[in-house]
PDB file of all heavy atoms in Angstrom:
ATOM      1  N   ASP A   1       2.428 -13.716   7.783  1.00  0.00           N
ATOM      2  CA  ASP A   1       1.391 -12.678   7.890  1.00  0.00           C
ATOM      3  C   ASP A   1       1.705 -11.418   7.087  1.00  0.00           C
ATOM      4  O   ASP A   1       0.821 -10.863   6.438  1.00  0.00           O
ATOM      5  CB  ASP A   1       1.157 -12.297   9.350  1.00  0.00           C
ATOM      6  CG  ASP A   1       0.430 -13.388  10.128  1.00  0.00           C
ATOM      7  OD1 ASP A   1      -0.229 -14.245   9.494  1.00  0.00           O
ATOM      8  OD2 ASP A   1       0.536 -13.403  11.366  1.00  0.00           O
ATOM      9  N   ASP A   2       2.950 -10.955   7.113  1.00  0.00           N
ATOM     10  CA  ASP A   2       3.288  -9.701   6.440  1.00  0.00           C
ATOM     11  C   ASP A   2       3.443  -9.856   4.925  1.00  0.00           C
ATOM     12  O   ASP A   2       3.688  -8.877   4.222  1.00  0.00           O
ATOM     13  CB  ASP A   2       4.547  -9.083   7.043  1.00  0.00           C
ATOM     14  CG  ASP A   2       5.801  -9.900   6.792  1.00  0.00           C
ATOM     15  OD1 ASP A   2       5.701 -11.117   6.508  1.00  0.00           O
ATOM     16  OD2 ASP A   2       6.904  -9.331   6.902  1.00  0.00           O
ATOM     17  N   GLN A   3       3.267 -11.067   4.411  1.00  0.00           N
ATOM     18  CA  GLN A   3       3.431 -11.312   2.977  1.00  0.00           C
ATOM     19  C   GLN A   3       2.100 -11.343   2.220  1.00  0.00           C
ATOM     20  O   GLN A   3       2.095 -11.509   1.008  1.00  0.00           O
ATOM     21  CB  GLN A   3       4.159 -12.639   2.741  1.00  0.00           C
ATOM     22  CG  GLN A   3       5.583 -12.635   3.260  1.00  0.00           C
ATOM     23  CD  GLN A   3       6.244 -13.992   3.132  1.00  0.00           C
ATOM     24  OE1 GLN A   3       5.646 -15.024   3.395  1.00  0.00           O
ATOM     25  NE2 GLN A   3       7.499 -13.971   2.724  1.00  0.00           N
ATOM     26  N   TYR A   4       0.986 -11.195   2.909  1.00  0.00           N
ATOM     27  CA  TYR A   4      -0.315 -11.409   2.286  1.00  0.00           C
ATOM     28  C   TYR A   4      -1.281 -10.281   2.600  1.00  0.00           C
ATOM     29  O   TYR A   4      -1.420  -9.870   3.754  1.00  0.00           O
ATOM     30  CB  TYR A   4      -0.894 -12.732   2.794  1.00  0.00           C
ATOM     31  CG  TYR A   4      -2.275 -13.058   2.300  1.00  0.00           C
ATOM     32  CD1 TYR A   4      -2.548 -13.170   0.948  1.00  0.00           C
ATOM     33  CD2 TYR A   4      -3.316 -13.267   3.196  1.00  0.00           C
ATOM     34  CE1 TYR A   4      -3.829 -13.491   0.502  1.00  0.00           C
ATOM     35  CE2 TYR A   4      -4.596 -13.594   2.762  1.00  0.00           C
ATOM     36  CZ  TYR A   4      -4.843 -13.698   1.408  1.00  0.00           C
ATOM     37  OH  TYR A   4      -6.098 -14.008   0.968  1.00  0.00           O
ATOM     38  N   LEU A   5      -1.950  -9.800   1.550  1.00  0.00           N
ATOM     39  CA  LEU A   5      -3.045  -8.845   1.714  1.00  0.00           C
ATOM     40  C   LEU A   5      -4.271  -9.367   0.990  1.00  0.00           C
ATOM     41  O   LEU A   5      -4.204  -9.741  -0.186  1.00  0.00           O
ATOM     42  CB  LEU A   5      -2.684  -7.468   1.144  1.00  0.00           C
ATOM     43  CG  LEU A   5      -1.619  -6.673   1.890  1.00  0.00           C
ATOM     44  CD1 LEU A   5      -1.311  -5.376   1.150  1.00  0.00           C
ATOM     45  CD2 LEU A   5      -2.057  -6.379   3.319  1.00  0.00           C
ATOM     46  N   ASP A   6      -5.385  -9.406   1.695  1.00  0.00           N
ATOM     47  CA  ASP A   6      -6.671  -9.807   1.138  1.00  0.00           C
ATOM     48  C   ASP A   6      -7.472  -8.536   0.905  1.00  0.00           C
ATOM     49  O   ASP A   6      -7.991  -7.942   1.858  1.00  0.00           O
ATOM     50  CB  ASP A   6      -7.387 -10.757   2.100  1.00  0.00           C
ATOM     51  CG  ASP A   6      -8.716 -11.243   1.575  1.00  0.00           C
ATOM     52  OD1 ASP A   6      -9.232 -10.651   0.586  1.00  0.00           O
ATOM     53  OD2 ASP A   6      -9.260 -12.200   2.157  1.00  0.00           O
ATOM     54  N   LEU A   7      -7.569  -8.111  -0.346  1.00  0.00           N
ATOM     55  CA  LEU A   7      -8.195  -6.828  -0.655  1.00  0.00           C
ATOM     56  C   LEU A   7      -9.715  -6.839  -0.505  1.00  0.00           C
ATOM     57  O   LEU A   7     -10.359  -5.801  -0.657  1.00  0.00           O
ATOM     58  CB  LEU A   7      -7.785  -6.367  -2.056  1.00  0.00           C
ATOM     59  CG  LEU A   7      -6.273  -6.206  -2.249  1.00  0.00           C
ATOM     60  CD1 LEU A   7      -5.964  -5.727  -3.659  1.00  0.00           C
ATOM     61  CD2 LEU A   7      -5.665  -5.287  -1.208  1.00  0.00           C
ATOM     62  N   ASP A   8     -10.281  -7.988  -0.164  1.00  0.00           N
ATOM     63  CA  ASP A   8     -11.705  -8.040   0.190  1.00  0.00           C
ATOM     64  C   ASP A   8     -11.930  -7.587   1.630  1.00  0.00           C
ATOM     65  O   ASP A   8     -13.056  -7.283   2.018  1.00  0.00           O
ATOM     66  CB  ASP A   8     -12.266  -9.455   0.023  1.00  0.00           C
ATOM     67  CG  ASP A   8     -12.402  -9.857  -1.438  1.00  0.00           C
ATOM     68  OD1 ASP A   8     -12.352  -8.973  -2.321  1.00  0.00           O
ATOM     69  OD2 ASP A   8     -12.571 -11.067  -1.690  1.00  0.00           O
ATOM     70  N   LEU A   9     -10.861  -7.551   2.409  1.00  0.00           N
ATOM     71  CA  LEU A   9     -10.945  -7.109   3.808  1.00  0.00           C
ATOM     72  C   LEU A   9     -10.613  -5.625   3.887  1.00  0.00           C
ATOM     73  O   LEU A   9      -9.590  -5.178   3.362  1.00  0.00           O
ATOM     74  CB  LEU A   9      -9.981  -7.902   4.694  1.00  0.00           C
ATOM     75  CG  LEU A   9     -10.176  -9.410   4.730  1.00  0.00           C
ATOM     76  CD1 LEU A   9      -9.080 -10.060   5.559  1.00  0.00           C
ATOM     77  CD2 LEU A   9     -11.560  -9.758   5.287  1.00  0.00           C
ATOM     78  N   HIS A  10     -11.455  -4.872   4.546  1.00  0.00           N
ATOM     79  CA  HIS A  10     -11.277  -3.420   4.639  1.00  0.00           C
ATOM     80  C   HIS A  10      -9.893  -3.049   5.171  1.00  0.00           C
ATOM     81  O   HIS A  10      -9.221  -2.181   4.610  1.00  0.00           O
ATOM     82  CB  HIS A  10     -12.388  -2.818   5.510  1.00  0.00           C
ATOM     83  CG  HIS A  10     -12.324  -1.340   5.610  1.00  0.00           C
ATOM     84  ND1 HIS A  10     -12.686  -0.514   4.563  1.00  0.00           N
ATOM     85  CD2 HIS A  10     -11.917  -0.541   6.619  1.00  0.00           C
ATOM     86  CE1 HIS A  10     -12.495   0.737   4.933  1.00  0.00           C
ATOM     87  NE2 HIS A  10     -12.049   0.752   6.173  1.00  0.00           N
ATOM     88  N   SER A  11      -9.455  -3.691   6.246  1.00  0.00           N
ATOM     89  CA  SER A  11      -8.166  -3.337   6.853  1.00  0.00           C
ATOM     90  C   SER A  11      -7.001  -3.618   5.900  1.00  0.00           C
ATOM     91  O   SER A  11      -6.056  -2.826   5.812  1.00  0.00           O
ATOM     92  CB  SER A  11      -7.962  -4.084   8.169  1.00  0.00           C
ATOM     93  OG  SER A  11      -7.983  -5.487   7.948  1.00  0.00           O
ATOM     94  N   ASP A  12      -7.057  -4.721   5.160  1.00  0.00           N
ATOM     95  CA  ASP A  12      -5.986  -5.036   4.211  1.00  0.00           C
ATOM     96  C   ASP A  12      -6.023  -4.086   3.013  1.00  0.00           C
ATOM     97  O   ASP A  12      -4.982  -3.687   2.494  1.00  0.00           O
ATOM     98  CB  ASP A  12      -6.088  -6.483   3.733  1.00  0.00           C
ATOM     99  CG  ASP A  12      -5.553  -7.480   4.752  1.00  0.00           C
ATOM    100  OD1 ASP A  12      -5.294  -7.075   5.908  1.00  0.00           O
ATOM    101  OD2 ASP A  12      -5.405  -8.660   4.398  1.00  0.00           O
ATOM    102  N   ARG A  13      -7.225  -3.707   2.586  1.00  0.00           N
ATOM    103  CA  ARG A  13      -7.333  -2.761   1.475  1.00  0.00           C
ATOM    104  C   ARG A  13      -6.753  -1.398   1.888  1.00  0.00           C
ATOM    105  O   ARG A  13      -6.043  -0.758   1.115  1.00  0.00           O
ATOM    106  CB  ARG A  13      -8.772  -2.589   1.029  1.00  0.00           C
ATOM    107  CG  ARG A  13      -8.907  -1.666  -0.195  1.00  0.00           C
ATOM    108  CD  ARG A  13     -10.333  -1.578  -0.654  1.00  0.00           C
ATOM    109  NE  ARG A  13     -10.776  -2.839  -1.177  1.00  0.00           N
ATOM    110  CZ  ARG A  13     -10.977  -3.091  -2.465  1.00  0.00           C
ATOM    111  NH1 ARG A  13     -10.778  -2.147  -3.347  1.00  0.00           N
ATOM    112  NH2 ARG A  13     -11.399  -4.264  -2.861  1.00  0.00           N
ATOM    113  N   GLN A  14      -7.032  -0.973   3.135  1.00  0.00           N
ATOM    114  CA  GLN A  14      -6.452   0.280   3.626  1.00  0.00           C
ATOM    115  C   GLN A  14      -4.928   0.186   3.654  1.00  0.00           C
ATOM    116  O   GLN A  14      -4.237   1.126   3.274  1.00  0.00           O
ATOM    117  CB  GLN A  14      -6.981   0.596   5.023  1.00  0.00           C
ATOM    118  CG  GLN A  14      -8.346   1.203   5.025  1.00  0.00           C
ATOM    119  CD  GLN A  14      -8.752   1.620   6.426  1.00  0.00           C
ATOM    120  OE1 GLN A  14      -8.587   0.868   7.393  1.00  0.00           O
ATOM    121  NE2 GLN A  14      -9.300   2.819   6.532  1.00  0.00           N
ATOM    122  N   GLN A  15      -4.418  -0.946   4.116  1.00  0.00           N
ATOM    123  CA  GLN A  15      -2.964  -1.130   4.163  1.00  0.00           C
ATOM    124  C   GLN A  15      -2.382  -1.080   2.748  1.00  0.00           C
ATOM    125  O   GLN A  15      -1.342  -0.456   2.521  1.00  0.00           O
ATOM    126  CB  GLN A  15      -2.617  -2.458   4.837  1.00  0.00           C
ATOM    127  CG  GLN A  15      -1.139  -2.648   5.053  1.00  0.00           C
ATOM    128  CD  GLN A  15      -0.816  -3.957   5.778  1.00  0.00           C
ATOM    129  OE1 GLN A  15      -1.697  -4.655   6.259  1.00  0.00           O
ATOM    130  NE2 GLN A  15       0.458  -4.271   5.844  1.00  0.00           N
ATOM    131  N   TYR A  16      -3.039  -1.733   1.788  1.00  0.00           N
ATOM    132  CA  TYR A  16      -2.611  -1.701   0.390  1.00  0.00           C
ATOM    133  C   TYR A  16      -2.558  -0.250  -0.108  1.00  0.00           C
ATOM    134  O   TYR A  16      -1.566   0.175  -0.693  1.00  0.00           O
ATOM    135  CB  TYR A  16      -3.573  -2.538  -0.460  1.00  0.00           C
ATOM    136  CG  TYR A  16      -3.305  -2.502  -1.946  1.00  0.00           C
ATOM    137  CD1 TYR A  16      -2.378  -3.351  -2.538  1.00  0.00           C
ATOM    138  CD2 TYR A  16      -4.000  -1.612  -2.785  1.00  0.00           C
ATOM    139  CE1 TYR A  16      -2.142  -3.327  -3.904  1.00  0.00           C
ATOM    140  CE2 TYR A  16      -3.767  -1.582  -4.146  1.00  0.00           C
ATOM    141  CZ  TYR A  16      -2.840  -2.444  -4.704  1.00  0.00           C
ATOM    142  OH  TYR A  16      -2.606  -2.412  -6.047  1.00  0.00           O
ATOM    143  N   GLU A  17      -3.625   0.497   0.144  1.00  0.00           N
ATOM    144  CA  GLU A  17      -3.687   1.886  -0.315  1.00  0.00           C
ATOM    145  C   GLU A  17      -2.603   2.747   0.329  1.00  0.00           C
ATOM    146  O   GLU A  17      -2.003   3.597  -0.324  1.00  0.00           O
ATOM    147  CB  GLU A  17      -5.072   2.461  -0.043  1.00  0.00           C
ATOM    148  CG  GLU A  17      -6.149   1.840  -0.916  1.00  0.00           C
ATOM    149  CD  GLU A  17      -7.573   2.203  -0.516  1.00  0.00           C
ATOM    150  OE1 GLU A  17      -7.767   2.939   0.489  1.00  0.00           O
ATOM    151  OE2 GLU A  17      -8.503   1.754  -1.206  1.00  0.00           O
ATOM    152  N   GLN A  18      -2.321   2.514   1.617  1.00  0.00           N
ATOM    153  CA  GLN A  18      -1.263   3.258   2.303  1.00  0.00           C
ATOM    154  C   GLN A  18       0.117   2.913   1.735  1.00  0.00           C
ATOM    155  O   GLN A  18       0.942   3.802   1.515  1.00  0.00           O
ATOM    156  CB  GLN A  18      -1.308   2.973   3.804  1.00  0.00           C
ATOM    157  CG  GLN A  18      -2.501   3.574   4.504  1.00  0.00           C
ATOM    158  CD  GLN A  18      -2.701   3.051   5.912  1.00  0.00           C
ATOM    159  OE1 GLN A  18      -1.982   2.185   6.387  1.00  0.00           O
ATOM    160  NE2 GLN A  18      -3.718   3.574   6.588  1.00  0.00           N
ATOM    161  N   LEU A  19       0.350   1.631   1.491  1.00  0.00           N
ATOM    162  CA  LEU A  19       1.630   1.214   0.911  1.00  0.00           C
ATOM    163  C   LEU A  19       1.809   1.791  -0.486  1.00  0.00           C
ATOM    164  O   LEU A  19       2.886   2.291  -0.834  1.00  0.00           O
ATOM    165  CB  LEU A  19       1.731  -0.313   0.873  1.00  0.00           C
ATOM    166  CG  LEU A  19       1.922  -1.018   2.206  1.00  0.00           C
ATOM    167  CD1 LEU A  19       1.704  -2.522   2.067  1.00  0.00           C
ATOM    168  CD2 LEU A  19       3.308  -0.722   2.778  1.00  0.00           C
ATOM    169  N   VAL A  20       0.755   1.772  -1.291  1.00  0.00           N
ATOM    170  CA  VAL A  20       0.815   2.324  -2.643  1.00  0.00           C
ATOM    171  C   VAL A  20       1.058   3.831  -2.591  1.00  0.00           C
ATOM    172  O   VAL A  20       1.862   4.363  -3.357  1.00  0.00           O
ATOM    173  CB  VAL A  20      -0.464   1.975  -3.439  1.00  0.00           C
ATOM    174  CG1 VAL A  20      -0.595   2.829  -4.686  1.00  0.00           C
ATOM    175  CG2 VAL A  20      -0.462   0.496  -3.802  1.00  0.00           C
ATOM    176  N   ALA A  21       0.403   4.527  -1.670  1.00  0.00           N
ATOM    177  CA  ALA A  21       0.608   5.979  -1.536  1.00  0.00           C
ATOM    178  C   ALA A  21       2.062   6.288  -1.181  1.00  0.00           C
ATOM    179  O   ALA A  21       2.658   7.223  -1.724  1.00  0.00           O
ATOM    180  CB  ALA A  21      -0.338   6.555  -0.481  1.00  0.00           C
ATOM    181  N   LYS A  22       2.656   5.500  -0.293  1.00  0.00           N
ATOM    182  CA  LYS A  22       4.077   5.683   0.058  1.00  0.00           C
ATOM    183  C   LYS A  22       4.982   5.429  -1.141  1.00  0.00           C
ATOM    184  O   LYS A  22       5.944   6.162  -1.371  1.00  0.00           O
ATOM    185  CB  LYS A  22       4.470   4.755   1.213  1.00  0.00           C
ATOM    186  CG  LYS A  22       3.929   5.171   2.547  1.00  0.00           C
ATOM    187  CD  LYS A  22       4.335   4.180   3.629  1.00  0.00           C
ATOM    188  CE  LYS A  22       3.654   4.492   4.938  1.00  0.00           C
ATOM    189  NZ  LYS A  22       3.968   3.505   5.985  1.00  0.00           N
ATOM    190  N   LEU A  23       4.680   4.386  -1.902  1.00  0.00           N
ATOM    191  CA  LEU A  23       5.488   4.074  -3.086  1.00  0.00           C
ATOM    192  C   LEU A  23       5.365   5.186  -4.132  1.00  0.00           C
ATOM    193  O   LEU A  23       6.355   5.578  -4.753  1.00  0.00           O
ATOM    194  CB  LEU A  23       5.059   2.732  -3.684  1.00  0.00           C
ATOM    195  CG  LEU A  23       5.395   1.495  -2.858  1.00  0.00           C
ATOM    196  CD1 LEU A  23       4.699   0.262  -3.421  1.00  0.00           C
ATOM    197  CD2 LEU A  23       6.904   1.280  -2.795  1.00  0.00           C
ATOM    198  N   GLU A  24       4.155   5.700  -4.300  1.00  0.00           N
ATOM    199  CA  GLU A  24       3.932   6.782  -5.254  1.00  0.00           C
ATOM    200  C   GLU A  24       4.701   8.036  -4.836  1.00  0.00           C
ATOM    201  O   GLU A  24       5.345   8.692  -5.669  1.00  0.00           O
ATOM    202  CB  GLU A  24       2.443   7.077  -5.355  1.00  0.00           C
ATOM    203  CG  GLU A  24       2.074   7.972  -6.502  1.00  0.00           C
ATOM    204  CD  GLU A  24       0.575   8.048  -6.692  1.00  0.00           C
ATOM    205  OE1 GLU A  24      -0.153   8.244  -5.696  1.00  0.00           O
ATOM    206  OE2 GLU A  24       0.142   7.914  -7.842  1.00  0.00           O
ATOM    207  N   LEU A  25       4.666   8.362  -3.544  1.00  0.00           N
ATOM    208  CA  LEU A  25       5.404   9.511  -3.029  1.00  0.00           C
ATOM    209  C   LEU A  25       6.903   9.327  -3.248  1.00  0.00           C
ATOM    210  O   LEU A  25       7.605  10.254  -3.664  1.00  0.00           O
ATOM    211  CB  LEU A  25       5.086   9.706  -1.541  1.00  0.00           C
ATOM    212  CG  LEU A  25       5.733  10.911  -0.866  1.00  0.00           C
ATOM    213  CD1 LEU A  25       5.276  12.213  -1.528  1.00  0.00           C
ATOM    214  CD2 LEU A  25       5.401  10.924   0.613  1.00  0.00           C
ATOM    215  N   LYS A  26       7.382   8.138  -3.003  1.00  0.00           N
ATOM    216  CA  LYS A  26       8.813   7.837  -3.191  1.00  0.00           C
ATOM    217  C   LYS A  26       9.217   8.024  -4.651  1.00  0.00           C
ATOM    218  O   LYS A  26      10.282   8.587  -4.944  1.00  0.00           O
ATOM    219  CB  LYS A  26       9.108   6.406  -2.728  1.00  0.00           C
ATOM    220  CG  LYS A  26      10.560   6.056  -2.683  1.00  0.00           C
ATOM    221  CD  LYS A  26      10.753   4.673  -2.068  1.00  0.00           C
ATOM    222  CE  LYS A  26      12.216   4.324  -1.998  1.00  0.00           C
ATOM    223  NZ  LYS A  26      12.441   3.009  -1.392  1.00  0.00           N
ATOM    224  N   LEU A  27       8.377   7.588  -5.572  1.00  0.00           N
ATOM    225  CA  LEU A  27       8.659   7.778  -6.996  1.00  0.00           C
ATOM    226  C   LEU A  27       8.739   9.260  -7.341  1.00  0.00           C
ATOM    227  O   LEU A  27       9.635   9.698  -8.073  1.00  0.00           O
ATOM    228  CB  LEU A  27       7.579   7.116  -7.860  1.00  0.00           C
ATOM    229  CG  LEU A  27       7.577   5.601  -7.934  1.00  0.00           C
ATOM    230  CD1 LEU A  27       6.364   5.111  -8.723  1.00  0.00           C
ATOM    231  CD2 LEU A  27       8.855   5.075  -8.565  1.00  0.00           C
ATOM    232  N   LYS A  28       7.809  10.044  -6.793  1.00  0.00           N
ATOM    233  CA  LYS A  28       7.795  11.483  -7.057  1.00  0.00           C
ATOM    234  C   LYS A  28       9.034  12.149  -6.471  1.00  0.00           C
ATOM    235  O   LYS A  28       9.640  13.015  -7.105  1.00  0.00           O
ATOM    236  CB  LYS A  28       6.525  12.118  -6.503  1.00  0.00           C
ATOM    237  CG  LYS A  28       5.294  11.763  -7.303  1.00  0.00           C
ATOM    238  CD  LYS A  28       4.024  12.334  -6.696  1.00  0.00           C
ATOM    239  CE  LYS A  28       2.822  11.929  -7.512  1.00  0.00           C
ATOM    240  NZ  LYS A  28       1.557  12.372  -6.926  1.00  0.00           N
ATOM    241  N   GLU A  29       9.429  11.751  -5.258  1.00  0.00           N
ATOM    242  CA  GLU A  29      10.629  12.313  -4.622  1.00  0.00           C
ATOM    243  C   GLU A  29      11.884  11.990  -5.432  1.00  0.00           C
ATOM    244  O   GLU A  29      12.806  12.794  -5.492  1.00  0.00           O
ATOM    245  CB  GLU A  29      10.777  11.779  -3.199  1.00  0.00           C
ATOM    246  CG  GLU A  29       9.772  12.354  -2.220  1.00  0.00           C
ATOM    247  CD  GLU A  29       9.802  11.655  -0.863  1.00  0.00           C
ATOM    248  OE1 GLU A  29      10.495  10.628  -0.710  1.00  0.00           O
ATOM    249  OE2 GLU A  29       9.098  12.142   0.042  1.00  0.00           O
ATOM    250  N   GLN A  30      11.903  10.810  -6.040  1.00  0.00           N
ATOM    251  CA  GLN A  30      13.049  10.397  -6.859  1.00  0.00           C
ATOM    252  C   GLN A  30      12.943  10.923  -8.290  1.00  0.00           C
ATOM    253  O   GLN A  30      13.777  10.614  -9.130  1.00  0.00           O
ATOM    254  CB  GLN A  30      13.158   8.871  -6.882  1.00  0.00           C
ATOM    255  CG  GLN A  30      13.473   8.270  -5.543  1.00  0.00           C
ATOM    256  CD  GLN A  30      13.397   6.743  -5.561  1.00  0.00           C
ATOM    257  OE1 GLN A  30      12.901   6.131  -6.503  1.00  0.00           O
ATOM    258  NE2 GLN A  30      13.893   6.141  -4.500  1.00  0.00           N
ATOM    259  N   LYS A  31      11.884  11.725  -8.522  1.00  0.00           N
ATOM    260  CA  LYS A  31      11.610  12.316  -9.827  1.00  0.00           C
ATOM    261  C   LYS A  31      11.523  11.253 -10.929  1.00  0.00           C
ATOM    262  O   LYS A  31      11.944  11.473 -12.062  1.00  0.00           O
ATOM    263  CB  LYS A  31      12.663  13.376 -10.170  1.00  0.00           C
ATOM    264  CG  LYS A  31      12.673  14.540  -9.194  1.00  0.00           C
ATOM    265  CD  LYS A  31      13.517  15.667  -9.690  1.00  0.00           C
ATOM    266  CE  LYS A  31      13.690  16.823  -8.785  1.00  0.00           C
ATOM    267  NZ  LYS A  31      12.831  17.153  -7.728  1.00  0.00           N
TER     268      LYS A  31
END
């Protein structure tokens, strides 16, 4: 279950966007 995101589903798309936002923040913190 935790290995798959279906971006046609609203909840999975939100999860994708949240994960991407965290990754983007991490990149910025690491300069």
